[in-house]
C-alpha atoms as a PDB file:
ATOM      1  CA  UNK A   1     -87.108  12.143-120.625  1.00  0.00           C
ATOM      2  CA  UNK A   2     -85.407  12.294-123.197  1.00  0.00           C
ATOM      3  CA  UNK A   3     -81.836  12.509-122.333  1.00  0.00           C
ATOM      4  CA  UNK A   4     -83.016   9.493-120.776  1.00  0.00           C
ATOM      5  CA  UNK A   5     -84.179   7.754-123.663  1.00  0.00           C
ATOM      6  CA  UNK A   6     -80.924   8.789-125.880  1.00  0.00           C
ATOM      7  CA  UNK A   7     -78.637   7.319-122.884  1.00  0.00           C
ATOM      8  CA  UNK A   8     -80.388   4.100-122.080  1.00  0.00           C
ATOM      9  CA  UNK A   9     -80.552   3.811-126.325  1.00  0.00           C
ATOM     10  CA  UNK A  10     -76.780   4.356-125.874  1.00  0.00           C
ATOM     11  CA  UNK A  11     -75.550   2.222-123.082  1.00  0.00           C
ATOM     12  CA  UNK A  12     -77.782  -0.507-124.725  1.00  0.00           C
ATOM     13  CA  UNK A  13     -75.767  -0.286-127.448  1.00  0.00           C
ATOM     14  CA  UNK A  14     -72.691  -0.461-126.476  1.00  0.00           C
ATOM     15  CA  UNK A  15     -73.434  -3.462-124.527  1.00  0.00           C
ATOM     16  CA  UNK A  16     -75.161  -5.032-127.171  1.00  0.00           C
ATOM     17  CA  UNK A  17     -71.814  -4.624-129.242  1.00  0.00           C
ATOM     18  CA  UNK A  18     -69.108  -5.618-126.448  1.00  0.00           C
ATOM     19  CA  UNK A  19     -72.078  -8.780-125.467  1.00  0.00           C
ATOM     20  CA  UNK A  20     -71.714  -9.640-129.730  1.00  0.00           C
ATOM     21  CA  UNK A  21     -68.064  -9.500-129.019  1.00  0.00           C
ATOM     22  CA  UNK A  22     -67.979 -11.602-125.911  1.00  0.00           C
ATOM     23  CA  UNK A  23     -70.289 -14.199-127.615  1.00  0.00           C
ATOM     24  CA  UNK A  24     -68.474 -14.491-131.105  1.00  0.00           C
ATOM     25  CA  UNK A  25     -64.776 -14.857-129.012  1.00  0.00           C
ATOM     26  CA  UNK A  26     -65.736 -17.209-125.835  1.00  0.00           C
ATOM     27  CA  UNK A  27     -68.368 -18.973-129.012  1.00  0.00           C
ATOM     28  CA  UNK A  28     -65.510 -19.623-131.207  1.00  0.00           C
ATOM     29  CA  UNK A  29     -62.332 -20.463-128.709  1.00  0.00           C
ATOM     30  CA  UNK A  30     -64.890 -23.133-127.601  1.00  0.00           C
ATOM     31  CA  UNK A  31     -66.049 -24.680-131.261  1.00  0.00           C
ATOM     32  CA  UNK A  32     -62.341 -24.779-131.978  1.00  0.00           C
ATOM     33  CA  UNK A  33     -61.519 -26.298-128.627  1.00  0.00           C
ATOM     34  CA  UNK A  34     -63.765 -29.061-128.802  1.00  0.00           C
ATOM     35  CA  UNK A  35     -63.984 -29.789-133.068  1.00  0.00           C
ATOM     36  CA  UNK A  36     -60.639 -28.543-133.727  1.00  0.00           C
ATOM     37  CA  UNK A  37     -60.765 -26.066-136.329  1.00  0.00           C
ATOM     38  CA  UNK A  38     -59.933 -22.676-137.027  1.00  0.00           C
ATOM     39  CA  UNK A  39     -63.002 -20.816-137.516  1.00  0.00           C
ATOM     40  CA  UNK A  40     -63.393 -16.941-139.213  1.00  0.00           C
ATOM     41  CA  UNK A  41     -64.189 -14.259-136.215  1.00  0.00           C
ATOM     42  CA  UNK A  42     -65.620 -11.243-137.482  1.00  0.00           C
ATOM     43  CA  UNK A  43     -66.454  -8.960-135.098  1.00  0.00           C
ATOM     44  CA  UNK A  44     -68.356  -5.903-137.313  1.00  0.00           C
ATOM     45  CA  UNK A  45     -70.614  -8.487-138.139  1.00  0.00           C
ATOM     46  CA  UNK A  46     -70.753  -9.929-134.497  1.00  0.00           C
ATOM     47  CA  UNK A  47     -70.756  -6.028-132.422  1.00  0.00           C
ATOM     48  CA  UNK A  48     -74.242  -5.414-135.394  1.00  0.00           C
ATOM     49  CA  UNK A  49     -76.373  -8.956-134.499  1.00  0.00           C
ATOM     50  CA  UNK A  50     -74.707  -8.085-131.197  1.00  0.00           C
ATOM     51  CA  UNK A  51     -76.400  -4.529-131.189  1.00  0.00           C
ATOM     52  CA  UNK A  52     -79.844  -5.503-133.411  1.00  0.00           C
ATOM     53  CA  UNK A  53     -80.453  -8.115-130.613  1.00  0.00           C
ATOM     54  CA  UNK A  54     -80.437  -5.662-127.641  1.00  0.00           C
ATOM     55  CA  UNK A  55     -82.535  -3.087-129.434  1.00  0.00           C
ATOM     56  CA  UNK A  56     -85.248  -5.302-130.164  1.00  0.00           C
ATOM     57  CA  UNK A  57     -84.880  -6.926-126.439  1.00  0.00           C
ATOM     58  CA  UNK A  58     -85.086  -3.489-125.837  1.00  0.00           C
ATOM     59  CA  UNK A  59     -88.053  -2.549-128.088  1.00  0.00           C
ATOM     60  CA  UNK A  60     -90.220  -5.722-127.016  1.00  0.00           C
ATOM     61  CA  UNK A  61     -89.792  -5.120-123.142  1.00  0.00           C
ATOM     62  CA  UNK A  62     -90.787  -1.518-122.999  1.00  0.00           C
ATOM     63  CA  UNK A  63     -93.561  -2.379-125.316  1.00  0.00           C
ATOM     64  CA  UNK A  64     -94.671  -4.636-123.100  1.00  0.00           C
ATOM     65  CA  UNK A  65     -94.759  -2.655-119.886  1.00  0.00           C
END
């Protein structure tokens, strides 16, 4: 059971990082296209935010089920 928990945590961290990057780059591209102002993208901060949100949402789902 412990390996399943660890595997799901690692998958959550990985996809959180990927989604953080995707949202940052797509959102930045949309904002640049709409407002014509360059945006400084920070991939490490985006990955960290994505991981934190993914883990927090996973904990929320786990505690409510």
